[in-house]
Amino acid sequence: MDTIINILASAMNLYSWALIIYILMSWFPDARETTVGRFLTKISEPYLEPFRRFVPPIGMFDISPIVALIVLRLAESGLYQLKIWL
């Protein structure tokens, strides 16, 4: 069971970094049009879309990716807590 939890936690950590890179790419023109940008869009948007529906932008800033990252990190912490209990 520890191995499965470790694999899931590592995958969540890797996905968190992919989201951070995807978010930072929005600061650079045409960065999302590259091969890496299209790949990150394909894996990030399905997760970010529900948060964009429920978290309104503040002015011109979209804070839904921050909320999505917090939720992902909380889920990762929950996995580690589960590992302690098992």
C-alpha atoms as a PDB file:
ATOM      1  CA  MET A   1       0.000   0.000   0.000  1.00  0.00           C
ATOM      2  CA  ASP A   2       2.902   2.352   0.741  1.00  0.00           C
ATOM      3  CA  THR A   3       4.180   1.955  -2.799  1.00  0.00           C
ATOM      4  CA  ILE A   4       0.841   2.927  -4.325  1.00  0.00           C
ATOM      5  CA  ILE A   5       0.536   5.971  -2.073  1.00  0.00           C
ATOM      6  CA  ASN A   6       4.108   7.020  -2.894  1.00  0.00           C
ATOM      7  CA  ILE A   7       3.469   6.682  -6.636  1.00  0.00           C
ATOM      8  CA  LEU A   8       0.237   8.698  -6.389  1.00  0.00           C
ATOM      9  CA  ALA A   9       1.889  11.386  -4.271  1.00  0.00           C
ATOM     10  CA  SER A  10       4.812  11.624  -6.692  1.00  0.00           C
ATOM     11  CA  ALA A  11       2.412  11.886  -9.633  1.00  0.00           C
ATOM     12  CA  MET A  12       0.510  14.668  -7.867  1.00  0.00           C
ATOM     13  CA  ASN A  13       3.752  16.503  -7.157  1.00  0.00           C
ATOM     14  CA  LEU A  14       4.829  16.201 -10.792  1.00  0.00           C
ATOM     15  CA  TYR A  15       1.403  17.380 -11.931  1.00  0.00           C
ATOM     16  CA  SER A  16       1.647  20.376  -9.579  1.00  0.00           C
ATOM     17  CA  TRP A  17       4.909  21.378 -11.259  1.00  0.00           C
ATOM     18  CA  ALA A  18       3.325  20.925 -14.688  1.00  0.00           C
ATOM     19  CA  LEU A  19       0.503  23.267 -13.622  1.00  0.00           C
ATOM     20  CA  ILE A  20       2.967  25.846 -12.320  1.00  0.00           C
ATOM     21  CA  ILE A  21       4.907  25.783 -15.593  1.00  0.00           C
ATOM     22  CA  TYR A  22       1.647  26.021 -17.551  1.00  0.00           C
ATOM     23  CA  ILE A  23       0.545  29.029 -15.505  1.00  0.00           C
ATOM     24  CA  LEU A  24       3.902  30.763 -15.917  1.00  0.00           C
ATOM     25  CA  MET A  25       3.773  30.186 -19.674  1.00  0.00           C
ATOM     26  CA  SER A  26       0.837  32.593 -19.832  1.00  0.00           C
ATOM     27  CA  TRP A  27       3.282  35.425 -19.124  1.00  0.00           C
ATOM     28  CA  PHE A  28       5.174  34.810 -22.348  1.00  0.00           C
ATOM     29  CA  PRO A  29       3.637  35.486 -25.764  1.00  0.00           C
ATOM     30  CA  ASP A  30       3.106  32.382 -27.896  1.00  0.00           C
ATOM     31  CA  ALA A  31       4.639  30.068 -25.284  1.00  0.00           C
ATOM     32  CA  ARG A  32       1.519  27.926 -25.248  1.00  0.00           C
ATOM     33  CA  GLU A  33       1.761  27.485 -29.011  1.00  0.00           C
ATOM     34  CA  THR A  34       4.945  25.434 -28.694  1.00  0.00           C
ATOM     35  CA  THR A  35       4.930  21.636 -28.499  1.00  0.00           C
ATOM     36  CA  VAL A  36       5.505  21.733 -24.748  1.00  0.00           C
ATOM     37  CA  GLY A  37       2.820  24.397 -24.364  1.00  0.00           C
ATOM     38  CA  ARG A  38       0.255  22.343 -26.272  1.00  0.00           C
ATOM     39  CA  PHE A  39       1.090  19.260 -24.178  1.00  0.00           C
ATOM     40  CA  LEU A  40       0.738  21.195 -20.925  1.00  0.00           C
ATOM     41  CA  THR A  41      -2.537  22.695 -22.158  1.00  0.00           C
ATOM     42  CA  LYS A  42      -3.861  19.238 -22.935  1.00  0.00           C
ATOM     43  CA  ILE A  43      -3.072  17.889 -19.464  1.00  0.00           C
ATOM     44  CA  SER A  44      -3.819  21.042 -17.426  1.00  0.00           C
ATOM     45  CA  GLU A  45      -7.049  22.423 -18.831  1.00  0.00           C
ATOM     46  CA  PRO A  46      -9.295  19.463 -17.867  1.00  0.00           C
ATOM     47  CA  TYR A  47      -8.270  19.944 -14.229  1.00  0.00           C
ATOM     48  CA  LEU A  48      -8.420  23.751 -14.255  1.00  0.00           C
ATOM     49  CA  GLU A  49     -11.775  24.085 -16.043  1.00  0.00           C
ATOM     50  CA  PRO A  50     -14.020  23.197 -13.047  1.00  0.00           C
ATOM     51  CA  PHE A  51     -12.161  25.716 -10.886  1.00  0.00           C
ATOM     52  CA  ARG A  52     -12.640  28.439 -13.510  1.00  0.00           C
ATOM     53  CA  ARG A  53     -16.394  27.837 -13.406  1.00  0.00           C
ATOM     54  CA  PHE A  54     -16.618  28.342  -9.637  1.00  0.00           C
ATOM     55  CA  VAL A  55     -13.842  30.823  -8.816  1.00  0.00           C
ATOM     56  CA  PRO A  56     -14.530  34.230 -10.353  1.00  0.00           C
ATOM     57  CA  PRO A  57     -11.621  36.353 -11.573  1.00  0.00           C
ATOM     58  CA  ILE A  58     -10.575  39.291  -9.432  1.00  0.00           C
ATOM     59  CA  GLY A  59     -10.359  42.176 -11.848  1.00  0.00           C
ATOM     60  CA  MET A  60      -8.209  40.946 -14.688  1.00  0.00           C
ATOM     61  CA  PHE A  61      -6.528  38.231 -12.585  1.00  0.00           C
ATOM     62  CA  ASP A  62      -7.672  34.621 -12.736  1.00  0.00           C
ATOM     63  CA  ILE A  63      -6.991  33.105  -9.334  1.00  0.00           C
ATOM     64  CA  SER A  64      -8.578  29.735 -10.112  1.00  0.00           C
ATOM     65  CA  PRO A  65      -5.181  28.100 -10.885  1.00  0.00           C
ATOM     66  CA  ILE A  66      -3.993  29.079  -7.405  1.00  0.00           C
ATOM     67  CA  VAL A  67      -7.072  27.471  -5.855  1.00  0.00           C
ATOM     68  CA  ALA A  68      -6.535  24.391  -8.049  1.00  0.00           C
ATOM     69  CA  LEU A  69      -2.928  24.100  -6.875  1.00  0.00           C
ATOM     70  CA  ILE A  70      -3.959  24.435  -3.234  1.00  0.00           C
ATOM     71  CA  VAL A  71      -6.557  21.674  -3.656  1.00  0.00           C
ATOM     72  CA  LEU A  72      -3.997  19.433  -5.354  1.00  0.00           C
ATOM     73  CA  ARG A  73      -1.442  20.037  -2.588  1.00  0.00           C
ATOM     74  CA  LEU A  74      -4.082  19.339   0.089  1.00  0.00           C
ATOM     75  CA  ALA A  75      -4.941  16.064  -1.641  1.00  0.00           C
ATOM     76  CA  GLU A  76      -1.253  15.171  -1.726  1.00  0.00           C
ATOM     77  CA  SER A  77      -0.962  15.944   2.000  1.00  0.00           C
ATOM     78  CA  GLY A  78      -4.022  13.790   2.603  1.00  0.00           C
ATOM     79  CA  LEU A  79      -2.275  10.887   0.904  1.00  0.00           C
ATOM     80  CA  TYR A  80       0.684  11.256   3.220  1.00  0.00           C
ATOM     81  CA  GLN A  81      -1.660  11.374   6.212  1.00  0.00           C
ATOM     82  CA  LEU A  82      -3.324   8.213   4.942  1.00  0.00           C
ATOM     83  CA  LYS A  83       0.084   6.587   4.683  1.00  0.00           C
ATOM     84  CA  ILE A  84       0.752   7.384   8.352  1.00  0.00           C
ATOM     85  CA  TRP A  85      -2.547   5.807   9.420  1.00  0.00           C
ATOM     86  CA  LEU A  86      -1.991   2.603   7.445  1.00  0.00           C
END
